[in-house]
Amino acid sequence: KPRPPAGPRSLPRSRATRLLIPYLRLDAPVMDLGLDRDRRLTAPPDDDPELVGWYRHGASPGEQGTAVAVGHLDTDSGPAVFAGLPELKRGRIVKARRADGRIAVYTVDKIKSYEKAHFPSQEVYGARGRPELRLITCGGSYDRRKGYSGNVVVFAHLTGIR
């Protein structure tokens, strides 16, 4: 069975500065995010709905491993940066601009929805032996007291460097 063609070589570490999804006309600034006391990834601040958060302890754009970026689906003021994420399809392009000026280009493999109670951390965050990216936002049903019941996750892998 032939092996799939090798992707581009991974890049050294350099933090993300912007996230671009041409199909969604998305071009957003990126901030670094960490984990909260319960070891869950924090979200970008609600008062800046156009901001994307990049997990600073994970892979940087184009680096070996699984990079993770999160953004709000909506806020009290309306649709937010990742409002269009559920409309992405396999084969669409996601670009991450780095502090060193290079751009890591990813191609979407799949989009999946998960209930928060059954979120498959290993499937989403686990390393796959190549540079990959996960884009995560809210999904499922909405309850004013509890928020959204699930998450939408975009799985993508590195296919180019500019």
N, C-alpha and C. Protein backbone atom coordinates (compact mmCIF):
# COMPACT_ATOMS: atom_id res chain seq x y z
N LYS A 1 0.86 -1.19 0.00
CA LYS A 1 0.00 0.00 0.00
C LYS A 1 0.89 1.24 0.00
N PRO A 2 0.74 2.14 -0.98
CA PRO A 2 1.62 3.31 -1.03
C PRO A 2 1.37 4.24 0.14
N ARG A 3 2.47 4.83 0.61
CA ARG A 3 2.35 5.79 1.72
C ARG A 3 1.90 7.14 1.17
N PRO A 4 1.13 7.91 1.95
CA PRO A 4 0.76 9.24 1.48
C PRO A 4 2.00 10.11 1.35
N PRO A 5 1.99 11.08 0.44
CA PRO A 5 3.17 11.93 0.28
C PRO A 5 3.45 12.68 1.58
N ALA A 6 4.73 12.83 1.87
CA ALA A 6 5.11 13.54 3.08
C ALA A 6 4.75 15.02 2.95
N GLY A 7 4.31 15.60 4.03
CA GLY A 7 4.00 17.02 4.04
C GLY A 7 5.27 17.83 4.20
N PRO A 8 5.13 19.14 4.31
CA PRO A 8 6.30 19.99 4.50
C PRO A 8 6.98 19.69 5.83
N ARG A 9 8.25 20.01 5.91
CA ARG A 9 8.98 19.84 7.17
C ARG A 9 8.39 20.78 8.21
N SER A 10 8.42 20.35 9.46
CA SER A 10 7.90 21.19 10.53
C SER A 10 8.83 22.39 10.73
N LEU A 11 8.28 23.43 11.33
CA LEU A 11 9.01 24.67 11.58
C LEU A 11 9.46 24.74 13.03
N PRO A 12 10.50 25.54 13.31
CA PRO A 12 10.86 25.77 14.72
C PRO A 12 9.78 26.62 15.40
N ARG A 13 9.87 26.72 16.71
CA ARG A 13 8.85 27.44 17.48
C ARG A 13 8.83 28.93 17.13
N SER A 14 7.64 29.47 16.95
CA SER A 14 7.41 30.91 16.77
C SER A 14 5.93 31.14 17.00
N ARG A 15 5.61 32.05 17.90
CA ARG A 15 4.20 32.18 18.31
C ARG A 15 3.30 32.67 17.18
N ALA A 16 2.02 32.31 17.29
CA ALA A 16 1.01 32.73 16.32
C ALA A 16 0.67 34.20 16.54
N THR A 17 0.48 34.95 15.44
CA THR A 17 0.07 36.35 15.55
C THR A 17 -1.29 36.61 14.91
N ARG A 18 -1.63 35.85 13.85
CA ARG A 18 -2.94 36.00 13.20
C ARG A 18 -3.40 34.65 12.66
N LEU A 19 -4.72 34.49 12.62
CA LEU A 19 -5.32 33.29 12.03
C LEU A 19 -6.18 33.74 10.86
N LEU A 20 -6.01 33.07 9.71
CA LEU A 20 -6.76 33.43 8.51
C LEU A 20 -7.47 32.20 7.96
N ILE A 21 -8.76 32.35 7.68
CA ILE A 21 -9.53 31.30 7.01
C ILE A 21 -10.20 31.97 5.81
N PRO A 22 -9.54 31.93 4.63
CA PRO A 22 -10.05 32.67 3.47
C PRO A 22 -11.51 32.37 3.15
N TYR A 23 -11.93 31.11 3.21
CA TYR A 23 -13.31 30.74 2.87
C TYR A 23 -14.33 31.47 3.74
N LEU A 24 -13.97 31.73 5.00
CA LEU A 24 -14.87 32.43 5.92
C LEU A 24 -14.59 33.94 5.98
N ARG A 25 -13.65 34.41 5.16
CA ARG A 25 -13.21 35.80 5.19
C ARG A 25 -12.77 36.20 6.61
N LEU A 26 -12.12 35.25 7.29
CA LEU A 26 -11.68 35.47 8.65
C LEU A 26 -10.20 35.84 8.65
N ASP A 27 -9.87 36.94 9.31
CA ASP A 27 -8.49 37.39 9.50
C ASP A 27 -8.47 38.00 10.89
N ALA A 28 -8.00 37.22 11.87
CA ALA A 28 -8.16 37.62 13.27
C ALA A 28 -6.83 37.64 14.02
N PRO A 29 -6.71 38.59 14.97
CA PRO A 29 -5.54 38.60 15.84
C PRO A 29 -5.57 37.40 16.79
N VAL A 30 -4.38 36.99 17.23
CA VAL A 30 -4.25 35.83 18.11
C VAL A 30 -3.59 36.26 19.42
N MET A 31 -4.12 35.73 20.53
CA MET A 31 -3.50 35.92 21.84
C MET A 31 -3.10 34.54 22.39
N ASP A 32 -2.11 34.53 23.29
CA ASP A 32 -1.71 33.28 23.94
C ASP A 32 -2.68 32.94 25.05
N LEU A 33 -2.99 31.66 25.21
CA LEU A 33 -3.86 31.18 26.29
C LEU A 33 -3.18 30.04 27.03
N GLY A 34 -3.57 29.88 28.30
CA GLY A 34 -3.07 28.77 29.12
C GLY A 34 -4.23 27.94 29.64
N LEU A 35 -3.98 27.24 30.73
CA LEU A 35 -4.99 26.40 31.36
C LEU A 35 -5.49 27.06 32.64
N ASP A 36 -6.74 26.76 33.02
CA ASP A 36 -7.27 27.27 34.29
C ASP A 36 -6.90 26.30 35.42
N ARG A 37 -7.42 26.58 36.64
CA ARG A 37 -7.07 25.74 37.79
C ARG A 37 -7.51 24.29 37.62
N ASP A 38 -8.57 24.07 36.83
CA ASP A 38 -9.04 22.71 36.57
C ASP A 38 -8.33 22.06 35.38
N ARG A 39 -7.27 22.71 34.90
CA ARG A 39 -6.47 22.24 33.77
C ARG A 39 -7.26 22.18 32.47
N ARG A 40 -8.21 23.10 32.34
CA ARG A 40 -8.97 23.24 31.09
C ARG A 40 -8.46 24.49 30.36
N LEU A 41 -8.47 24.43 29.05
CA LEU A 41 -8.03 25.56 28.24
C LEU A 41 -8.96 26.74 28.47
N THR A 42 -8.39 27.90 28.77
CA THR A 42 -9.21 29.10 28.96
C THR A 42 -9.69 29.60 27.60
N ALA A 43 -10.66 30.49 27.62
CA ALA A 43 -11.20 31.08 26.39
C ALA A 43 -10.71 32.52 26.28
N PRO A 44 -10.69 33.07 25.08
CA PRO A 44 -10.37 34.49 24.94
C PRO A 44 -11.41 35.32 25.71
N PRO A 45 -11.08 36.56 26.08
CA PRO A 45 -12.04 37.38 26.83
C PRO A 45 -13.32 37.64 26.03
N ASP A 46 -14.46 37.62 26.73
CA ASP A 46 -15.76 37.86 26.09
C ASP A 46 -15.87 39.25 25.49
N ASP A 47 -15.11 40.21 26.03
CA ASP A 47 -15.25 41.59 25.56
C ASP A 47 -14.48 41.85 24.26
N ASP A 48 -13.79 40.84 23.72
CA ASP A 48 -13.13 40.97 22.42
C ASP A 48 -13.49 39.75 21.57
N PRO A 49 -14.73 39.73 21.01
CA PRO A 49 -15.23 38.54 20.33
C PRO A 49 -14.49 38.18 19.04
N GLU A 50 -13.63 39.07 18.54
CA GLU A 50 -12.90 38.78 17.29
C GLU A 50 -11.51 38.22 17.55
N LEU A 51 -11.19 37.92 18.79
CA LEU A 51 -9.86 37.44 19.16
C LEU A 51 -9.83 35.91 19.18
N VAL A 52 -8.76 35.34 18.63
CA VAL A 52 -8.53 33.89 18.68
C VAL A 52 -7.48 33.62 19.75
N GLY A 53 -7.68 32.57 20.52
CA GLY A 53 -6.70 32.17 21.53
C GLY A 53 -5.91 30.96 21.06
N TRP A 54 -4.58 31.00 21.24
CA TRP A 54 -3.70 29.90 20.85
C TRP A 54 -3.09 29.32 22.12
N TYR A 55 -3.20 28.01 22.30
CA TYR A 55 -2.66 27.37 23.50
C TYR A 55 -1.13 27.46 23.49
N ARG A 56 -0.59 28.27 24.41
CA ARG A 56 0.84 28.60 24.38
C ARG A 56 1.75 27.44 24.76
N HIS A 57 1.23 26.42 25.45
CA HIS A 57 2.07 25.28 25.83
C HIS A 57 2.00 24.15 24.81
N GLY A 58 1.21 24.33 23.76
CA GLY A 58 1.13 23.35 22.68
C GLY A 58 2.05 23.76 21.54
N ALA A 59 1.88 23.13 20.41
CA ALA A 59 2.69 23.44 19.24
C ALA A 59 2.36 24.84 18.72
N SER A 60 3.38 25.53 18.22
CA SER A 60 3.16 26.80 17.54
C SER A 60 2.84 26.48 16.07
N PRO A 61 2.40 27.47 15.27
CA PRO A 61 2.02 27.18 13.88
C PRO A 61 3.15 26.51 13.10
N GLY A 62 2.84 25.35 12.52
CA GLY A 62 3.82 24.64 11.70
C GLY A 62 4.79 23.79 12.47
N GLU A 63 4.77 23.89 13.79
CA GLU A 63 5.68 23.10 14.62
C GLU A 63 5.15 21.67 14.73
N GLN A 64 6.06 20.71 14.92
CA GLN A 64 5.66 19.31 15.11
C GLN A 64 4.71 19.21 16.30
N GLY A 65 3.66 18.41 16.17
CA GLY A 65 2.70 18.23 17.25
C GLY A 65 1.34 18.81 16.89
N THR A 66 0.46 18.86 17.88
CA THR A 66 -0.90 19.34 17.67
C THR A 66 -1.06 20.73 18.26
N ALA A 67 -1.27 21.71 17.41
CA ALA A 67 -1.53 23.09 17.84
C ALA A 67 -3.03 23.24 18.08
N VAL A 68 -3.39 24.09 19.04
CA VAL A 68 -4.79 24.28 19.39
C VAL A 68 -5.12 25.77 19.42
N ALA A 69 -6.17 26.15 18.68
CA ALA A 69 -6.66 27.53 18.69
C ALA A 69 -8.15 27.50 19.01
N VAL A 70 -8.58 28.42 19.87
CA VAL A 70 -9.98 28.48 20.28
C VAL A 70 -10.53 29.88 20.04
N GLY A 71 -11.84 29.94 19.83
CA GLY A 71 -12.50 31.22 19.64
C GLY A 71 -13.97 31.09 19.97
N HIS A 72 -14.60 32.22 20.26
CA HIS A 72 -16.02 32.21 20.59
C HIS A 72 -16.86 32.02 19.33
N LEU A 73 -17.96 31.30 19.48
CA LEU A 73 -18.98 31.16 18.44
C LEU A 73 -19.81 32.44 18.39
N ASP A 74 -20.18 32.90 19.58
CA ASP A 74 -20.90 34.16 19.73
C ASP A 74 -20.69 34.67 21.15
N THR A 75 -21.10 35.92 21.38
CA THR A 75 -21.09 36.52 22.71
C THR A 75 -22.40 37.27 22.85
N ASP A 76 -22.58 37.96 23.97
CA ASP A 76 -23.81 38.73 24.18
C ASP A 76 -24.02 39.77 23.09
N SER A 77 -22.93 40.20 22.44
CA SER A 77 -23.04 41.24 21.41
C SER A 77 -23.32 40.68 20.01
N GLY A 78 -23.38 39.34 19.86
CA GLY A 78 -23.69 38.76 18.55
C GLY A 78 -22.66 37.74 18.12
N PRO A 79 -22.63 37.41 16.81
CA PRO A 79 -21.68 36.41 16.31
C PRO A 79 -20.24 36.82 16.60
N ALA A 80 -19.40 35.83 16.85
CA ALA A 80 -17.99 36.09 17.17
C ALA A 80 -17.09 35.46 16.11
N VAL A 81 -15.79 35.48 16.38
CA VAL A 81 -14.76 35.12 15.41
C VAL A 81 -14.97 33.74 14.77
N PHE A 82 -15.40 32.74 15.54
CA PHE A 82 -15.56 31.39 14.98
C PHE A 82 -17.01 31.06 14.66
N ALA A 83 -17.85 32.06 14.42
CA ALA A 83 -19.26 31.82 14.09
C ALA A 83 -19.41 30.94 12.85
N GLY A 84 -18.51 31.05 11.89
CA GLY A 84 -18.61 30.28 10.65
C GLY A 84 -17.93 28.93 10.69
N LEU A 85 -17.25 28.61 11.78
CA LEU A 85 -16.47 27.37 11.85
C LEU A 85 -17.27 26.12 11.48
N PRO A 86 -18.52 25.96 11.94
CA PRO A 86 -19.27 24.75 11.58
C PRO A 86 -19.51 24.60 10.07
N GLU A 87 -19.33 25.68 9.29
CA GLU A 87 -19.55 25.62 7.84
C GLU A 87 -18.31 25.20 7.06
N LEU A 88 -17.16 25.10 7.73
CA LEU A 88 -15.94 24.67 7.04
C LEU A 88 -16.11 23.25 6.54
N LYS A 89 -15.41 22.94 5.46
CA LYS A 89 -15.48 21.59 4.89
C LYS A 89 -14.07 21.07 4.65
N ARG A 90 -13.98 19.76 4.51
CA ARG A 90 -12.71 19.10 4.20
C ARG A 90 -12.09 19.76 2.96
N GLY A 91 -10.79 19.99 3.01
CA GLY A 91 -10.09 20.58 1.88
C GLY A 91 -9.93 22.09 1.96
N ARG A 92 -10.67 22.76 2.84
CA ARG A 92 -10.52 24.21 2.99
C ARG A 92 -9.19 24.53 3.67
N ILE A 93 -8.72 25.74 3.44
CA ILE A 93 -7.41 26.18 3.93
C ILE A 93 -7.55 27.05 5.18
N VAL A 94 -6.63 26.83 6.12
CA VAL A 94 -6.49 27.67 7.31
C VAL A 94 -5.03 28.10 7.37
N LYS A 95 -4.79 29.40 7.57
CA LYS A 95 -3.42 29.91 7.63
C LYS A 95 -3.16 30.52 9.00
N ALA A 96 -1.96 30.28 9.52
CA ALA A 96 -1.56 30.89 10.79
C ALA A 96 -0.27 31.67 10.55
N ARG A 97 -0.36 32.98 10.76
CA ARG A 97 0.82 33.84 10.62
C ARG A 97 1.62 33.76 11.92
N ARG A 98 2.93 33.69 11.78
CA ARG A 98 3.83 33.53 12.92
C ARG A 98 4.59 34.82 13.19
N ALA A 99 5.12 34.94 14.41
CA ALA A 99 5.89 36.13 14.79
C ALA A 99 7.13 36.30 13.92
N ASP A 100 7.68 35.20 13.38
CA ASP A 100 8.87 35.30 12.53
C ASP A 100 8.53 35.67 11.08
N GLY A 101 7.24 35.94 10.80
CA GLY A 101 6.82 36.37 9.47
C GLY A 101 6.38 35.24 8.54
N ARG A 102 6.68 34.00 8.89
CA ARG A 102 6.25 32.89 8.05
C ARG A 102 4.78 32.57 8.29
N ILE A 103 4.18 31.87 7.33
CA ILE A 103 2.77 31.47 7.44
C ILE A 103 2.70 29.95 7.31
N ALA A 104 2.08 29.32 8.31
CA ALA A 104 1.83 27.88 8.25
C ALA A 104 0.47 27.68 7.60
N VAL A 105 0.43 26.88 6.54
CA VAL A 105 -0.81 26.64 5.80
C VAL A 105 -1.30 25.22 6.12
N TYR A 106 -2.53 25.14 6.61
CA TYR A 106 -3.13 23.86 6.98
C TYR A 106 -4.31 23.57 6.05
N THR A 107 -4.58 22.29 5.84
CA THR A 107 -5.75 21.85 5.08
C THR A 107 -6.68 21.09 6.02
N VAL A 108 -7.96 21.43 5.97
CA VAL A 108 -8.95 20.81 6.85
C VAL A 108 -9.17 19.35 6.44
N ASP A 109 -9.11 18.45 7.44
CA ASP A 109 -9.36 17.02 7.24
C ASP A 109 -10.80 16.66 7.56
N LYS A 110 -11.32 17.21 8.65
CA LYS A 110 -12.69 16.89 9.08
C LYS A 110 -13.14 17.90 10.12
N ILE A 111 -14.46 17.96 10.32
CA ILE A 111 -15.08 18.79 11.35
C ILE A 111 -16.00 17.87 12.13
N LYS A 112 -15.83 17.87 13.45
CA LYS A 112 -16.65 16.99 14.29
C LYS A 112 -17.26 17.78 15.43
N SER A 113 -18.42 17.32 15.90
CA SER A 113 -19.09 17.91 17.06
C SER A 113 -19.10 16.89 18.19
N TYR A 114 -18.86 17.38 19.40
CA TYR A 114 -18.83 16.52 20.58
C TYR A 114 -19.62 17.16 21.71
N GLU A 115 -20.33 16.35 22.49
CA GLU A 115 -20.93 16.84 23.72
C GLU A 115 -19.80 17.02 24.73
N LYS A 116 -19.85 18.11 25.52
CA LYS A 116 -18.77 18.37 26.47
C LYS A 116 -18.56 17.22 27.44
N ALA A 117 -19.64 16.55 27.84
CA ALA A 117 -19.54 15.43 28.79
C ALA A 117 -18.78 14.25 28.20
N HIS A 118 -18.66 14.18 26.87
CA HIS A 118 -17.99 13.05 26.22
C HIS A 118 -16.88 13.54 25.29
N PHE A 119 -16.23 14.65 25.66
CA PHE A 119 -15.19 15.23 24.81
C PHE A 119 -13.98 14.30 24.78
N PRO A 120 -13.54 13.85 23.59
CA PRO A 120 -12.44 12.89 23.47
C PRO A 120 -11.07 13.59 23.45
N SER A 121 -10.57 13.95 24.62
CA SER A 121 -9.34 14.73 24.71
C SER A 121 -8.18 14.13 23.93
N GLN A 122 -8.00 12.82 24.01
CA GLN A 122 -6.87 12.19 23.32
C GLN A 122 -7.02 12.32 21.80
N GLU A 123 -8.23 12.12 21.29
CA GLU A 123 -8.46 12.24 19.84
C GLU A 123 -8.21 13.67 19.38
N VAL A 124 -8.64 14.64 20.18
CA VAL A 124 -8.53 16.05 19.78
C VAL A 124 -7.11 16.58 20.00
N TYR A 125 -6.54 16.35 21.17
CA TYR A 125 -5.27 16.97 21.52
C TYR A 125 -4.04 16.10 21.27
N GLY A 126 -4.22 14.79 21.10
CA GLY A 126 -3.09 13.89 20.97
C GLY A 126 -2.25 14.14 19.73
N ALA A 127 -0.96 13.86 19.85
CA ALA A 127 -0.02 14.05 18.73
C ALA A 127 -0.25 12.98 17.67
N ARG A 128 -0.06 13.33 16.41
CA ARG A 128 -0.29 12.42 15.29
C ARG A 128 0.98 12.17 14.47
N GLY A 129 2.12 12.61 14.96
CA GLY A 129 3.36 12.38 14.23
C GLY A 129 3.60 13.35 13.09
N ARG A 130 2.81 14.41 13.03
CA ARG A 130 3.01 15.45 12.02
C ARG A 130 2.43 16.75 12.59
N PRO A 131 2.77 17.90 12.00
CA PRO A 131 2.18 19.15 12.47
C PRO A 131 0.68 19.20 12.13
N GLU A 132 -0.13 19.36 13.16
CA GLU A 132 -1.58 19.44 12.97
C GLU A 132 -2.13 20.64 13.73
N LEU A 133 -3.36 20.99 13.42
CA LEU A 133 -4.04 22.12 14.05
C LEU A 133 -5.46 21.71 14.39
N ARG A 134 -5.92 22.13 15.57
CA ARG A 134 -7.32 21.99 15.95
C ARG A 134 -7.88 23.38 16.20
N LEU A 135 -9.02 23.66 15.60
CA LEU A 135 -9.77 24.89 15.87
C LEU A 135 -11.00 24.46 16.66
N ILE A 136 -11.23 25.10 17.79
CA ILE A 136 -12.31 24.66 18.68
C ILE A 136 -13.21 25.84 19.04
N THR A 137 -14.51 25.62 18.96
CA THR A 137 -15.50 26.60 19.40
C THR A 137 -16.66 25.87 20.05
N CYS A 138 -17.62 26.63 20.51
CA CYS A 138 -18.80 26.04 21.15
C CYS A 138 -19.74 25.46 20.11
N GLY A 139 -20.60 24.55 20.55
CA GLY A 139 -21.60 23.95 19.68
C GLY A 139 -22.66 23.27 20.50
N GLY A 140 -23.56 22.60 19.83
CA GLY A 140 -24.64 21.91 20.53
C GLY A 140 -25.76 22.85 20.92
N SER A 141 -26.52 22.47 21.92
CA SER A 141 -27.63 23.31 22.36
C SER A 141 -27.14 24.34 23.38
N TYR A 142 -27.91 25.42 23.53
CA TYR A 142 -27.51 26.51 24.42
C TYR A 142 -28.48 26.63 25.58
N ASP A 143 -27.94 26.77 26.77
CA ASP A 143 -28.71 26.99 27.99
C ASP A 143 -28.15 28.24 28.66
N ARG A 144 -29.03 29.19 29.01
CA ARG A 144 -28.53 30.47 29.55
C ARG A 144 -27.71 30.30 30.82
N ARG A 145 -28.00 29.28 31.61
CA ARG A 145 -27.23 29.09 32.85
C ARG A 145 -25.95 28.30 32.62
N LYS A 146 -25.99 27.31 31.74
CA LYS A 146 -24.85 26.41 31.57
C LYS A 146 -24.01 26.70 30.33
N GLY A 147 -24.53 27.51 29.42
CA GLY A 147 -23.81 27.76 28.17
C GLY A 147 -24.09 26.67 27.15
N TYR A 148 -23.16 26.48 26.23
CA TYR A 148 -23.33 25.47 25.17
C TYR A 148 -23.05 24.07 25.71
N SER A 149 -23.74 23.09 25.13
CA SER A 149 -23.61 21.70 25.58
C SER A 149 -22.43 20.97 24.95
N GLY A 150 -21.85 21.54 23.91
CA GLY A 150 -20.80 20.82 23.21
C GLY A 150 -19.76 21.72 22.59
N ASN A 151 -18.93 21.10 21.76
CA ASN A 151 -17.88 21.81 21.03
C ASN A 151 -17.85 21.34 19.58
N VAL A 152 -17.48 22.25 18.70
CA VAL A 152 -17.19 21.93 17.31
C VAL A 152 -15.67 21.97 17.18
N VAL A 153 -15.10 20.93 16.58
CA VAL A 153 -13.64 20.83 16.43
C VAL A 153 -13.31 20.63 14.95
N VAL A 154 -12.43 21.49 14.44
CA VAL A 154 -11.90 21.35 13.09
C VAL A 154 -10.52 20.70 13.20
N PHE A 155 -10.32 19.61 12.47
CA PHE A 155 -9.04 18.90 12.42
C PHE A 155 -8.36 19.28 11.11
N ALA A 156 -7.10 19.71 11.17
CA ALA A 156 -6.36 20.08 9.96
C ALA A 156 -4.90 19.67 10.11
N HIS A 157 -4.21 19.54 8.97
CA HIS A 157 -2.79 19.20 9.01
C HIS A 157 -2.01 20.16 8.11
N LEU A 158 -0.73 20.33 8.43
CA LEU A 158 0.14 21.26 7.71
C LEU A 158 0.37 20.77 6.28
N THR A 159 0.10 21.66 5.31
CA THR A 159 0.32 21.30 3.91
C THR A 159 1.21 22.30 3.17
N GLY A 160 1.59 23.38 3.83
CA GLY A 160 2.45 24.36 3.17
C GLY A 160 3.04 25.35 4.14
N ILE A 161 4.11 26.00 3.68
CA ILE A 161 4.77 27.06 4.46
C ILE A 161 5.06 28.19 3.50
N ARG A 162 4.71 29.41 3.91
CA ARG A 162 4.99 30.57 3.05
C ARG A 162 5.85 31.56 3.80
